[in-house]
C-alpha atoms as a PDB file:
ATOM      1  CA  MET A   1      56.131  61.934  90.162  1.00  0.00           C
ATOM      2  CA  SER A   2      55.067  65.937  90.116  1.00  0.00           C
ATOM      3  CA  SER A   3      51.769  66.760  91.860  1.00  0.00           C
ATOM      4  CA  ARG A   4      50.478  67.900  88.337  1.00  0.00           C
ATOM      5  CA  GLU A   5      51.266  64.368  86.896  1.00  0.00           C
ATOM      6  CA  SER A   6      49.493  62.751  89.813  1.00  0.00           C
ATOM      7  CA  VAL A   7      46.392  64.221  88.993  1.00  0.00           C
ATOM      8  CA  THR A   8      45.668  61.849  85.752  1.00  0.00           C
ATOM      9  CA  GLU A   9      47.730  58.591  87.197  1.00  0.00           C
ATOM     10  CA  ARG A  10      45.297  55.617  87.694  1.00  0.00           C
ATOM     11  CA  SER A  11      44.886  54.239  91.068  1.00  0.00           C
ATOM     12  CA  SER A  12      46.116  50.336  91.219  1.00  0.00           C
ATOM     13  CA  LEU A  13      43.893  49.247  94.448  1.00  0.00           C
ATOM     14  CA  PRO A  14      40.565  47.632  93.548  1.00  0.00           C
ATOM     15  CA  THR A  15      37.820  49.243  94.996  1.00  0.00           C
ATOM     16  CA  PRO A  16      34.362  47.848  95.082  1.00  0.00           C
ATOM     17  CA  PHE A  17      31.362  49.937  93.971  1.00  0.00           C
ATOM     18  CA  PHE A  18      29.666  51.848  96.585  1.00  0.00           C
ATOM     19  CA  LYS A  19      26.712  50.980  98.400  1.00  0.00           C
ATOM     20  CA  GLY A  20      24.242  54.037  99.458  1.00  0.00           C
ATOM     21  CA  LYS A  21      24.076  57.391  98.045  1.00  0.00           C
ATOM     22  CA  LYS A  22      26.108  58.993 101.124  1.00  0.00           C
ATOM     23  CA  SER A  23      28.803  57.155 100.469  1.00  0.00           C
ATOM     24  CA  MET A  24      28.821  57.670  96.619  1.00  0.00           C
ATOM     25  CA  ALA A  25      28.304  61.543  97.262  1.00  0.00           C
ATOM     26  CA  LYS A  26      31.339  61.489  99.560  1.00  0.00           C
ATOM     27  CA  TYR A  27      33.419  59.886  97.437  1.00  0.00           C
ATOM     28  CA  PHE A  28      32.911  62.060  94.553  1.00  0.00           C
ATOM     29  CA  LYS A  29      33.298  65.008  96.736  1.00  0.00           C
ATOM     30  CA  THR A  30      36.614  63.966  98.421  1.00  0.00           C
ATOM     31  CA  ASN A  31      38.292  62.734  95.113  1.00  0.00           C
ATOM     32  CA  ARG A  32      37.342  65.943  93.280  1.00  0.00           C
ATOM     33  CA  GLU A  33      38.947  67.859  96.308  1.00  0.00           C
ATOM     34  CA  THR A  34      41.783  65.484  96.305  1.00  0.00           C
ATOM     35  CA  ALA A  35      42.303  66.195  92.472  1.00  0.00           C
ATOM     36  CA  VAL A  36      42.045  70.104  92.731  1.00  0.00           C
ATOM     37  CA  LYS A  37      44.359  70.570  95.685  1.00  0.00           C
ATOM     38  CA  ALA A  38      46.958  68.215  94.097  1.00  0.00           C
ATOM     39  CA  ALA A  39      46.952  70.283  90.635  1.00  0.00           C
ATOM     40  CA  MET A  40      47.221  73.491  92.853  1.00  0.00           C
ATOM     41  CA  SER A  41      50.123  72.423  95.315  1.00  0.00           C
ATOM     42  CA  GLU A  42      52.820  73.391  93.342  1.00  0.00           C
ATOM     43  CA  LYS A  43      52.929  77.211  91.750  1.00  0.00           C
ATOM     44  CA  PRO A  44      49.196  77.888  90.629  1.00  0.00           C
ATOM     45  CA  LEU A  45      49.044  77.551  86.751  1.00  0.00           C
ATOM     46  CA  ILE A  46      47.533  80.494  84.810  1.00  0.00           C
ATOM     47  CA  PHE A  47      44.266  80.451  83.187  1.00  0.00           C
ATOM     48  CA  LYS A  48      45.159  80.679  79.370  1.00  0.00           C
ATOM     49  CA  TYR A  49      44.242  83.874  77.507  1.00  0.00           C
ATOM     50  CA  HIS A  50      42.313  81.296  74.737  1.00  0.00           C
ATOM     51  CA  GLY A  51      39.918  80.381  77.622  1.00  0.00           C
ATOM     52  CA  TRP A  52      38.646  84.103  77.886  1.00  0.00           C
ATOM     53  CA  LEU A  53      38.409  84.157  73.934  1.00  0.00           C
ATOM     54  CA  GLY A  54      36.270  80.920  73.820  1.00  0.00           C
ATOM     55  CA  ILE A  55      34.197  82.465  77.166  1.00  0.00           C
ATOM     56  CA  GLY A  56      34.084  85.544  75.014  1.00  0.00           C
ATOM     57  CA  LEU A  57      33.037  84.091  71.655  1.00  0.00           C
ATOM     58  CA  ILE A  58      30.188  81.997  73.235  1.00  0.00           C
ATOM     59  CA  CYS A  59      28.620  85.081  74.894  1.00  0.00           C
ATOM     60  CA  PHE A  60      28.966  87.062  71.799  1.00  0.00           C
ATOM     61  CA  VAL A  61      27.282  84.428  69.522  1.00  0.00           C
ATOM     62  CA  GLU A  62      24.537  84.203  72.316  1.00  0.00           C
ATOM     63  CA  PHE A  63      24.083  88.170  72.438  1.00  0.00           C
ATOM     64  CA  CYS A  64      23.832  88.196  68.545  1.00  0.00           C
ATOM     65  CA  LEU A  65      21.029  85.338  68.935  1.00  0.00           C
ATOM     66  CA  LEU A  66      19.151  88.000  71.162  1.00  0.00           C
ATOM     67  CA  ILE A  67      19.373  90.499  68.578  1.00  0.00           C
ATOM     68  CA  GLN A  68      19.301  88.721  65.486  1.00  0.00           C
ATOM     69  CA  HIS A  69      15.795  89.702  64.280  1.00  0.00           C
ATOM     70  CA  HIS A  70      17.044  93.779  64.425  1.00  0.00           C
ATOM     71  CA  VAL A  71      20.798  93.491  63.169  1.00  0.00           C
ATOM     72  CA  SER A  72      21.704  91.892  60.161  1.00  0.00           C
ATOM     73  CA  PHE A  73      25.184  91.005  60.994  1.00  0.00           C
ATOM     74  CA  ALA A  74      24.019  89.398  64.216  1.00  0.00           C
ATOM     75  CA  TYR A  75      21.530  87.350  61.715  1.00  0.00           C
ATOM     76  CA  LYS A  76      24.467  86.302  59.863  1.00  0.00           C
ATOM     77  CA  VAL A  77      26.656  85.278  62.902  1.00  0.00           C
ATOM     78  CA  SER A  78      23.551  83.157  63.839  1.00  0.00           C
ATOM     79  CA  ILE A  79      23.908  81.186  61.005  1.00  0.00           C
ATOM     80  CA  TRP A  80      27.128  79.882  62.712  1.00  0.00           C
ATOM     81  CA  THR A  81      25.859  79.474  66.464  1.00  0.00           C
ATOM     82  CA  THR A  82      26.739  75.700  67.084  1.00  0.00           C
ATOM     83  CA  PRO A  83      29.978  75.546  65.483  1.00  0.00           C
ATOM     84  CA  LEU A  84      31.295  78.704  66.811  1.00  0.00           C
ATOM     85  CA  CYS A  85      29.916  78.002  70.318  1.00  0.00           C
ATOM     86  CA  TRP A  86      31.544  74.666  70.034  1.00  0.00           C
ATOM     87  CA  LEU A  87      35.018  76.218  68.956  1.00  0.00           C
ATOM     88  CA  GLY A  88      34.395  78.235  71.887  1.00  0.00           C
ATOM     89  CA  TYR A  89      33.850  75.348  74.434  1.00  0.00           C
ATOM     90  CA  VAL A  90      36.913  73.451  73.181  1.00  0.00           C
ATOM     91  CA  MET A  91      39.045  76.499  73.912  1.00  0.00           C
ATOM     92  CA  PHE A  92      37.133  77.544  77.318  1.00  0.00           C
ATOM     93  CA  LEU A  93      37.671  73.476  78.478  1.00  0.00           C
ATOM     94  CA  ASP A  94      41.695  73.411  76.968  1.00  0.00           C
ATOM     95  CA  ALA A  95      42.401  75.989  79.358  1.00  0.00           C
ATOM     96  CA  VAL A  96      40.448  74.706  82.189  1.00  0.00           C
ATOM     97  CA  ILE A  97      42.571  71.500  81.735  1.00  0.00           C
ATOM     98  CA  PHE A  98      45.679  73.509  81.645  1.00  0.00           C
ATOM     99  CA  LYS A  99      44.934  75.338  85.013  1.00  0.00           C
ATOM    100  CA  LEU A 100      44.298  72.188  86.482  1.00  0.00           C
ATOM    101  CA  LYS A 101      47.375  69.963  85.584  1.00  0.00           C
ATOM    102  CA  GLY A 102      49.832  72.093  83.302  1.00  0.00           C
ATOM    103  CA  ASN A 103      49.227  70.097  80.100  1.00  0.00           C
ATOM    104  CA  SER A 104      46.500  70.259  77.556  1.00  0.00           C
ATOM    105  CA  LEU A 105      45.801  69.538  74.133  1.00  0.00           C
ATOM    106  CA  LEU A 106      45.875  73.268  72.380  1.00  0.00           C
ATOM    107  CA  CYS A 107      48.844  74.180  74.899  1.00  0.00           C
ATOM    108  CA  ASN A 108      51.149  70.948  74.624  1.00  0.00           C
ATOM    109  CA  ARG A 109      49.579  68.695  72.292  1.00  0.00           C
ATOM    110  CA  ARG A 110      48.660  70.892  69.621  1.00  0.00           C
ATOM    111  CA  ARG A 111      49.993  68.503  66.839  1.00  0.00           C
ATOM    112  CA  GLU A 112      47.469  65.475  67.944  1.00  0.00           C
ATOM    113  CA  PHE A 113      44.614  68.503  67.854  1.00  0.00           C
ATOM    114  CA  TYR A 114      45.269  69.404  64.170  1.00  0.00           C
ATOM    115  CA  ILE A 115      45.395  65.465  63.556  1.00  0.00           C
ATOM    116  CA  GLN A 116      42.005  64.892  65.331  1.00  0.00           C
ATOM    117  CA  ILE A 117      40.101  67.978  63.203  1.00  0.00           C
ATOM    118  CA  PRO A 118      40.265  65.769  59.800  1.00  0.00           C
ATOM    119  CA  LEU A 119      39.667  62.255  60.908  1.00  0.00           C
ATOM    120  CA  SER A 120      36.667  64.018  63.355  1.00  0.00           C
ATOM    121  CA  ILE A 121      35.381  65.197  59.780  1.00  0.00           C
ATOM    122  CA  ALA A 122      35.918  61.951  58.000  1.00  0.00           C
ATOM    123  CA  PHE A 123      34.234  59.674  61.053  1.00  0.00           C
ATOM    124  CA  TRP A 124      31.142  62.187  60.902  1.00  0.00           C
ATOM    125  CA  LEU A 125      30.476  61.731  57.112  1.00  0.00           C
ATOM    126  CA  LEU A 126      30.443  58.186  57.522  1.00  0.00           C
ATOM    127  CA  PHE A 127      27.425  58.625  59.869  1.00  0.00           C
ATOM    128  CA  GLU A 128      26.024  61.362  57.216  1.00  0.00           C
ATOM    129  CA  PHE A 129      26.263  58.717  54.453  1.00  0.00           C
ATOM    130  CA  TYR A 130      24.338  56.006  56.767  1.00  0.00           C
ATOM    131  CA  ASN A 131      21.673  58.784  56.898  1.00  0.00           C
ATOM    132  CA  LEU A 132      21.128  59.301  53.246  1.00  0.00           C
ATOM    133  CA  HIS A 133      19.297  56.004  53.579  1.00  0.00           C
ATOM    134  CA  LEU A 134      18.021  56.493  57.089  1.00  0.00           C
ATOM    135  CA  ALA A 135      16.624  59.671  56.808  1.00  0.00           C
ATOM    136  CA  ASN A 136      17.070  60.164  60.361  1.00  0.00           C
ATOM    137  CA  TRP A 137      17.812  63.908  60.640  1.00  0.00           C
ATOM    138  CA  GLU A 138      17.838  66.689  58.156  1.00  0.00           C
ATOM    139  CA  TYR A 139      19.449  70.326  58.071  1.00  0.00           C
ATOM    140  CA  GLN A 140      17.704  73.423  58.018  1.00  0.00           C
ATOM    141  CA  GLY A 141      18.728  77.104  57.216  1.00  0.00           C
ATOM    142  CA  LEU A 142      21.904  76.293  56.007  1.00  0.00           C
ATOM    143  CA  PRO A 143      23.738  79.095  54.027  1.00  0.00           C
ATOM    144  CA  LYS A 144      23.506  79.386  50.091  1.00  0.00           C
ATOM    145  CA  ASN A 145      27.313  80.263  49.909  1.00  0.00           C
ATOM    146  CA  LYS A 146      28.589  76.773  49.192  1.00  0.00           C
ATOM    147  CA  ILE A 147      31.974  78.222  50.620  1.00  0.00           C
ATOM    148  CA  GLU A 148      30.362  79.413  53.589  1.00  0.00           C
ATOM    149  CA  LEU A 149      28.448  76.052  53.946  1.00  0.00           C
ATOM    150  CA  CYS A 150      31.677  73.967  53.655  1.00  0.00           C
ATOM    151  CA  LEU A 151      33.654  76.150  56.031  1.00  0.00           C
ATOM    152  CA  GLY A 152      30.436  75.957  58.610  1.00  0.00           C
ATOM    153  CA  MET A 153      30.114  72.348  58.305  1.00  0.00           C
ATOM    154  CA  GLY A 154      33.997  71.488  58.594  1.00  0.00           C
ATOM    155  CA  LEU A 155      34.285  73.464  61.785  1.00  0.00           C
ATOM    156  CA  ALA A 156      31.105  71.875  63.294  1.00  0.00           C
ATOM    157  CA  PHE A 157      32.300  68.458  62.339  1.00  0.00           C
ATOM    158  CA  GLY A 158      35.871  68.744  62.744  1.00  0.00           C
ATOM    159  CA  MET A 159      35.230  69.952  66.739  1.00  0.00           C
ATOM    160  CA  ILE A 160      33.473  67.056  67.525  1.00  0.00           C
ATOM    161  CA  MET A 161      36.354  64.706  68.722  1.00  0.00           C
ATOM    162  CA  PRO A 162      38.349  67.509  70.357  1.00  0.00           C
ATOM    163  CA  GLY A 163      35.616  68.368  72.253  1.00  0.00           C
ATOM    164  CA  MET A 164      34.361  65.015  73.022  1.00  0.00           C
ATOM    165  CA  PHE A 165      38.228  64.023  74.210  1.00  0.00           C
ATOM    166  CA  GLN A 166      38.723  66.826  76.254  1.00  0.00           C
ATOM    167  CA  THR A 167      35.730  66.651  78.200  1.00  0.00           C
ATOM    168  CA  THR A 168      36.829  63.267  78.654  1.00  0.00           C
ATOM    169  CA  GLU A 169      40.347  64.658  80.051  1.00  0.00           C
ATOM    170  CA  LEU A 170      38.732  67.123  82.332  1.00  0.00           C
ATOM    171  CA  ILE A 171      36.659  64.320  84.106  1.00  0.00           C
ATOM    172  CA  GLU A 172      39.712  62.305  84.042  1.00  0.00           C
ATOM    173  CA  THR A 173      41.659  65.005  85.598  1.00  0.00           C
ATOM    174  CA  LEU A 174      38.862  65.507  88.338  1.00  0.00           C
ATOM    175  CA  ARG A 175      39.468  61.646  88.939  1.00  0.00           C
ATOM    176  CA  LEU A 176      35.645  61.261  89.358  1.00  0.00           C
ATOM    177  CA  PHE A 177      35.808  57.406  88.660  1.00  0.00           C
ATOM    178  CA  GLU A 178      39.204  56.735  89.205  1.00  0.00           C
ATOM    179  CA  ARG A 179      38.537  54.038  91.838  1.00  0.00           C
ATOM    180  CA  PHE A 180      35.808  52.413  89.840  1.00  0.00           C
ATOM    181  CA  ARG A 181      36.909  48.876  89.065  1.00  0.00           C
ATOM    182  CA  ILE A 182      35.771  45.572  88.258  1.00  0.00           C
ATOM    183  CA  SER A 183      37.018  41.869  88.190  1.00  0.00           C
ATOM    184  CA  SER A 184      39.306  41.494  85.310  1.00  0.00           C
ATOM    185  CA  LEU A 185      37.804  40.356  82.116  1.00  0.00           C
ATOM    186  CA  HIS A 186      39.295  37.806  80.123  1.00  0.00           C
ATOM    187  CA  VAL A 187      39.406  38.833  76.565  1.00  0.00           C
ATOM    188  CA  SER A 188      39.381  35.584  74.433  1.00  0.00           C
ATOM    189  CA  ASN A 189      39.808  34.967  70.775  1.00  0.00           C
ATOM    190  CA  ARG A 190      36.119  33.847  71.045  1.00  0.00           C
ATOM    191  CA  VAL A 191      35.336  37.501  72.194  1.00  0.00           C
ATOM    192  CA  ILE A 192      37.238  39.288  69.814  1.00  0.00           C
ATOM    193  CA  TYR A 193      35.734  37.233  66.766  1.00  0.00           C
ATOM    194  CA  THR A 194      32.389  37.340  68.157  1.00  0.00           C
ATOM    195  CA  SER A 195      32.754  41.134  68.686  1.00  0.00           C
ATOM    196  CA  ILE A 196      33.907  41.747  65.105  1.00  0.00           C
ATOM    197  CA  VAL A 197      31.322  39.477  63.198  1.00  0.00           C
ATOM    198  CA  LEU A 198      28.486  40.954  65.440  1.00  0.00           C
ATOM    199  CA  GLY A 199      29.817  44.531  64.748  1.00  0.00           C
ATOM    200  CA  PHE A 200      29.841  43.872  61.123  1.00  0.00           C
ATOM    201  CA  PHE A 201      25.930  42.852  61.211  1.00  0.00           C
ATOM    202  CA  PHE A 202      25.264  45.857  63.122  1.00  0.00           C
ATOM    203  CA  ILE A 203      26.727  48.220  60.273  1.00  0.00           C
ATOM    204  CA  MET A 204      25.701  46.338  57.251  1.00  0.00           C
ATOM    205  CA  ALA A 205      22.026  45.589  58.426  1.00  0.00           C
ATOM    206  CA  PRO A 206      20.671  49.061  58.135  1.00  0.00           C
ATOM    207  CA  LEU A 207      21.901  49.470  54.804  1.00  0.00           C
ATOM    208  CA  LEU A 208      20.300  46.308  53.372  1.00  0.00           C
ATOM    209  CA  ILE A 209      17.190  46.700  54.317  1.00  0.00           C
ATOM    210  CA  SER A 210      14.358  49.104  52.951  1.00  0.00           C
ATOM    211  CA  ARG A 211      14.306  52.520  54.669  1.00  0.00           C
ATOM    212  CA  ASP A 212      10.735  51.750  56.095  1.00  0.00           C
ATOM    213  CA  TYR A 213      12.746  49.327  58.659  1.00  0.00           C
ATOM    214  CA  ALA A 214      16.095  50.680  58.277  1.00  0.00           C
ATOM    215  CA  GLN A 215      15.002  53.893  59.819  1.00  0.00           C
ATOM    216  CA  TYR A 216      14.511  52.126  63.150  1.00  0.00           C
ATOM    217  CA  LEU A 217      17.798  50.596  63.325  1.00  0.00           C
ATOM    218  CA  PHE A 218      20.442  53.789  63.648  1.00  0.00           C
ATOM    219  CA  GLY A 219      20.990  52.171  67.159  1.00  0.00           C
ATOM    220  CA  LEU A 220      23.087  49.636  65.536  1.00  0.00           C
ATOM    221  CA  VAL A 221      25.124  52.083  63.961  1.00  0.00           C
ATOM    222  CA  TRP A 222      26.035  53.792  67.022  1.00  0.00           C
ATOM    223  CA  THR A 223      27.465  50.861  68.582  1.00  0.00           C
ATOM    224  CA  GLY A 224      28.412  48.409  65.742  1.00  0.00           C
ATOM    225  CA  TYR A 225      31.982  50.358  64.811  1.00  0.00           C
ATOM    226  CA  VAL A 226      32.991  49.874  68.457  1.00  0.00           C
ATOM    227  CA  MET A 227      32.528  46.159  68.263  1.00  0.00           C
ATOM    228  CA  ILE A 228      34.890  46.144  64.934  1.00  0.00           C
ATOM    229  CA  PHE A 229      37.418  48.880  65.962  1.00  0.00           C
ATOM    230  CA  GLU A 230      37.953  48.164  69.532  1.00  0.00           C
ATOM    231  CA  PRO A 231      38.979  44.443  69.205  1.00  0.00           C
ATOM    232  CA  ILE A 232      41.428  45.156  66.250  1.00  0.00           C
ATOM    233  CA  VAL A 233      42.890  47.647  68.456  1.00  0.00           C
ATOM    234  CA  TYR A 234      43.465  45.532  71.438  1.00  0.00           C
ATOM    235  CA  SER A 235      44.476  42.843  69.239  1.00  0.00           C
ATOM    236  CA  SER A 236      47.226  45.125  67.796  1.00  0.00           C
ATOM    237  CA  LYS A 237      48.572  46.127  71.251  1.00  0.00           C
ATOM    238  CA  GLY A 238      47.289  49.956  70.727  1.00  0.00           C
ATOM    239  CA  ASN A 239      45.389  52.156  73.296  1.00  0.00           C
ATOM    240  CA  SER A 240      42.197  50.094  73.893  1.00  0.00           C
ATOM    241  CA  LEU A 241      39.212  49.956  76.072  1.00  0.00           C
ATOM    242  CA  LEU A 242      39.080  46.214  76.240  1.00  0.00           C
ATOM    243  CA  ARG A 243      42.483  46.355  77.769  1.00  0.00           C
ATOM    244  CA  ASP A 244      41.074  48.606  80.446  1.00  0.00           C
ATOM    245  CA  LEU A 245      38.628  46.057  81.169  1.00  0.00           C
ATOM    246  CA  GLU A 246      40.957  43.471  81.184  1.00  0.00           C
ATOM    247  CA  GLU A 247      42.974  45.226  83.959  1.00  0.00           C
ATOM    248  CA  GLY A 248      39.731  45.895  85.879  1.00  0.00           C
ATOM    249  CA  ARG A 249      39.867  49.612  85.193  1.00  0.00           C
ATOM    250  CA  LEU A 250      36.620  51.772  84.326  1.00  0.00           C
ATOM    251  CA  SER A 251      37.814  55.155  84.670  1.00  0.00           C
ATOM    252  CA  ARG A 252      38.250  55.871  81.070  1.00  0.00           C
ATOM    253  CA  ILE A 253      35.202  53.925  79.978  1.00  0.00           C
ATOM    254  CA  LEU A 254      32.783  55.918  82.274  1.00  0.00           C
ATOM    255  CA  SER A 255      34.540  58.938  81.531  1.00  0.00           C
ATOM    256  CA  LEU A 256      34.094  58.998  77.944  1.00  0.00           C
ATOM    257  CA  PHE A 257      30.914  57.556  78.578  1.00  0.00           C
ATOM    258  CA  ILE A 258      29.735  60.537  80.505  1.00  0.00           C
ATOM    259  CA  ALA A 259      31.451  62.910  78.234  1.00  0.00           C
ATOM    260  CA  GLY A 260      29.353  61.774  75.238  1.00  0.00           C
ATOM    261  CA  TYR A 261      26.369  62.920  77.139  1.00  0.00           C
ATOM    262  CA  ILE A 262      27.820  66.383  78.529  1.00  0.00           C
ATOM    263  CA  CYS A 263      28.450  67.172  74.709  1.00  0.00           C
ATOM    264  CA  GLY A 264      25.253  65.789  73.734  1.00  0.00           C
ATOM    265  CA  PHE A 265      23.557  67.976  75.700  1.00  0.00           C
ATOM    266  CA  LEU A 266      25.550  71.138  74.674  1.00  0.00           C
ATOM    267  CA  TRP A 267      25.147  70.322  71.161  1.00  0.00           C
ATOM    268  CA  GLU A 268      21.192  69.921  71.434  1.00  0.00           C
ATOM    269  CA  PHE A 269      21.199  72.729  73.741  1.00  0.00           C
ATOM    270  CA  TRP A 270      23.444  75.177  70.885  1.00  0.00           C
ATOM    271  CA  ASN A 271      21.389  73.891  67.914  1.00  0.00           C
ATOM    272  CA  TYR A 272      18.063  74.588  69.175  1.00  0.00           C
ATOM    273  CA  TRP A 273      18.222  78.015  69.342  1.00  0.00           C
ATOM    274  CA  ALA A 274      20.500  78.400  65.860  1.00  0.00           C
ATOM    275  CA  VAL A 275      19.340  79.653  62.715  1.00  0.00           C
ATOM    276  CA  SER A 276      21.198  77.349  60.545  1.00  0.00           C
ATOM    277  CA  LYS A 277      20.429  73.937  62.479  1.00  0.00           C
ATOM    278  CA  TRP A 278      19.625  69.857  62.146  1.00  0.00           C
ATOM    279  CA  VAL A 279      16.302  68.658  63.115  1.00  0.00           C
ATOM    280  CA  TYR A 280      14.993  65.113  63.606  1.00  0.00           C
ATOM    281  CA  THR A 281      13.016  62.827  61.432  1.00  0.00           C
ATOM    282  CA  ALA A 282      13.386  59.588  63.556  1.00  0.00           C
ATOM    283  CA  PRO A 283      10.246  57.908  63.438  1.00  0.00           C
ATOM    284  CA  PHE A 284       9.877  56.819  67.472  1.00  0.00           C
ATOM    285  CA  MET A 285       9.414  58.674  70.479  1.00  0.00           C
ATOM    286  CA  LYS A 286       8.905  62.137  68.648  1.00  0.00           C
ATOM    287  CA  ASP A 287       7.303  63.998  71.536  1.00  0.00           C
ATOM    288  CA  VAL A 288       9.396  62.973  74.245  1.00  0.00           C
ATOM    289  CA  LYS A 289      12.694  65.295  73.558  1.00  0.00           C
ATOM    290  CA  ILE A 290      16.017  66.952  74.719  1.00  0.00           C
ATOM    291  CA  PHE A 291      15.825  70.014  72.823  1.00  0.00           C
ATOM    292  CA  GLU A 292      15.367  68.864  69.351  1.00  0.00           C
ATOM    293  CA  MET A 293      16.705  65.392  70.040  1.00  0.00           C
ATOM    294  CA  PRO A 294      14.276  62.372  70.983  1.00  0.00           C
ATOM    295  CA  ILE A 295      15.282  60.966  74.045  1.00  0.00           C
ATOM    296  CA  ALA A 296      15.980  57.511  72.198  1.00  0.00           C
ATOM    297  CA  GLY A 297      18.574  59.076  69.760  1.00  0.00           C
ATOM    298  CA  PHE A 298      19.827  61.103  72.833  1.00  0.00           C
ATOM    299  CA  LEU A 299      20.654  57.799  74.364  1.00  0.00           C
ATOM    300  CA  GLY A 300      23.180  57.024  71.533  1.00  0.00           C
ATOM    301  CA  PHE A 301      25.722  59.818  72.544  1.00  0.00           C
ATOM    302  CA  GLY A 302      27.608  57.704  75.433  1.00  0.00           C
ATOM    303  CA  PRO A 303      28.398  54.936  72.794  1.00  0.00           C
ATOM    304  CA  PHE A 304      29.201  57.811  70.389  1.00  0.00           C
ATOM    305  CA  ALA A 305      32.195  58.910  72.728  1.00  0.00           C
ATOM    306  CA  TRP A 306      33.480  55.474  72.582  1.00  0.00           C
ATOM    307  CA  GLU A 307      33.138  55.106  68.662  1.00  0.00           C
ATOM    308  CA  TYR A 308      35.217  58.176  68.256  1.00  0.00           C
ATOM    309  CA  PHE A 309      37.775  56.855  70.469  1.00  0.00           C
ATOM    310  CA  CYS A 310      38.225  53.550  68.977  1.00  0.00           C
ATOM    311  CA  PHE A 311      38.254  55.368  65.627  1.00  0.00           C
ATOM    312  CA  TYR A 312      40.791  57.757  66.508  1.00  0.00           C
ATOM    313  CA  HIS A 313      43.293  54.841  68.385  1.00  0.00           C
ATOM    314  CA  LEU A 314      42.900  52.755  64.947  1.00  0.00           C
ATOM    315  CA  CYS A 315      43.881  55.703  62.938  1.00  0.00           C
ATOM    316  CA  LYS A 316      46.978  56.231  65.215  1.00  0.00           C
ATOM    317  CA  LEU A 317      47.797  52.435  64.752  1.00  0.00           C
ATOM    318  CA  VAL A 318      47.305  52.585  61.274  1.00  0.00           C
ATOM    319  CA  ARG A 319      49.541  56.134  60.607  1.00  0.00           C
ATOM    320  CA  GLN A 320      52.444  54.098  63.086  1.00  0.00           C
ATOM    321  CA  ALA A 321      52.303  50.892  60.969  1.00  0.00           C
ATOM    322  CA  PRO A 322      55.360  52.412  58.145  1.00  0.00           C
ATOM    323  CA  GLN A 323      57.454  53.720  61.080  1.00  0.00           C
ATOM    324  CA  ILE A 324      57.404  50.117  62.964  1.00  0.00           C
ATOM    325  CA  ASN A 325      57.999  48.256  59.659  1.00  0.00           C
ATOM    326  CA  GLN A 326      61.145  50.316  58.930  1.00  0.00           C
END
């Protein structure tokens, strides 16, 4: 196995959780340095040009934000702040990942990237459907031209999945949580059926009660689909987080969880300054915010990343099913 491949391989040795802040900090520093050294021990890999384009795109959009009140073209660009900055982030992150391990989504798995875009849009539209009833957020300053509106929303929604998955891949490449392990979890039929039934209750309850009460229940939507999709993927021998728990591995689960919050912070940061933006109308903790997002809502970004992961791998199983039957 080459040193580039070894950057992302999982450790098979069970390691207990760390005791004390010093040992925790020492572990992260040592593990990160080991990952980077392993990645660079062979011939140095180049930083792909699309990474520079991504940085340039973000800087260009931020500059347009500064001069939007003086230049009409800059104002038009500022309407697209969030989707353009997020596209730049995806391009930049992909180049970083390729630089570290010689393999990335845009360079080596482009077909996977193209599949993720429509799936990302479709899954987000499901949450928009819930919001029609729960009314937890609304959009302001949207383009009046319907074609421009569809393109902007398509780009914004389509980059959700690639952005979260690439952030997760970077965290895994740096092996920040590689040795975080627990005792193996026994996944019984009772666990599977209970999770599915409870998940079904979570996703249906907000739709079946009046808006006055339903608007407080969006947290159920952020977690309910994980509880349904994940047992199905596990039972179908797919790429499953439950199987990670069964084998005592926490690396991917924690990487996705942290990636959700990193992406959530960046989304809210760019949205805060954008001309075309979303604002939250959730009825709780309105004064305690991270940019426009109430802190209670921000807590949902971690499970949100799990949901996208489970949805994606469920769709992969569905796509592979006809091939298996042939």
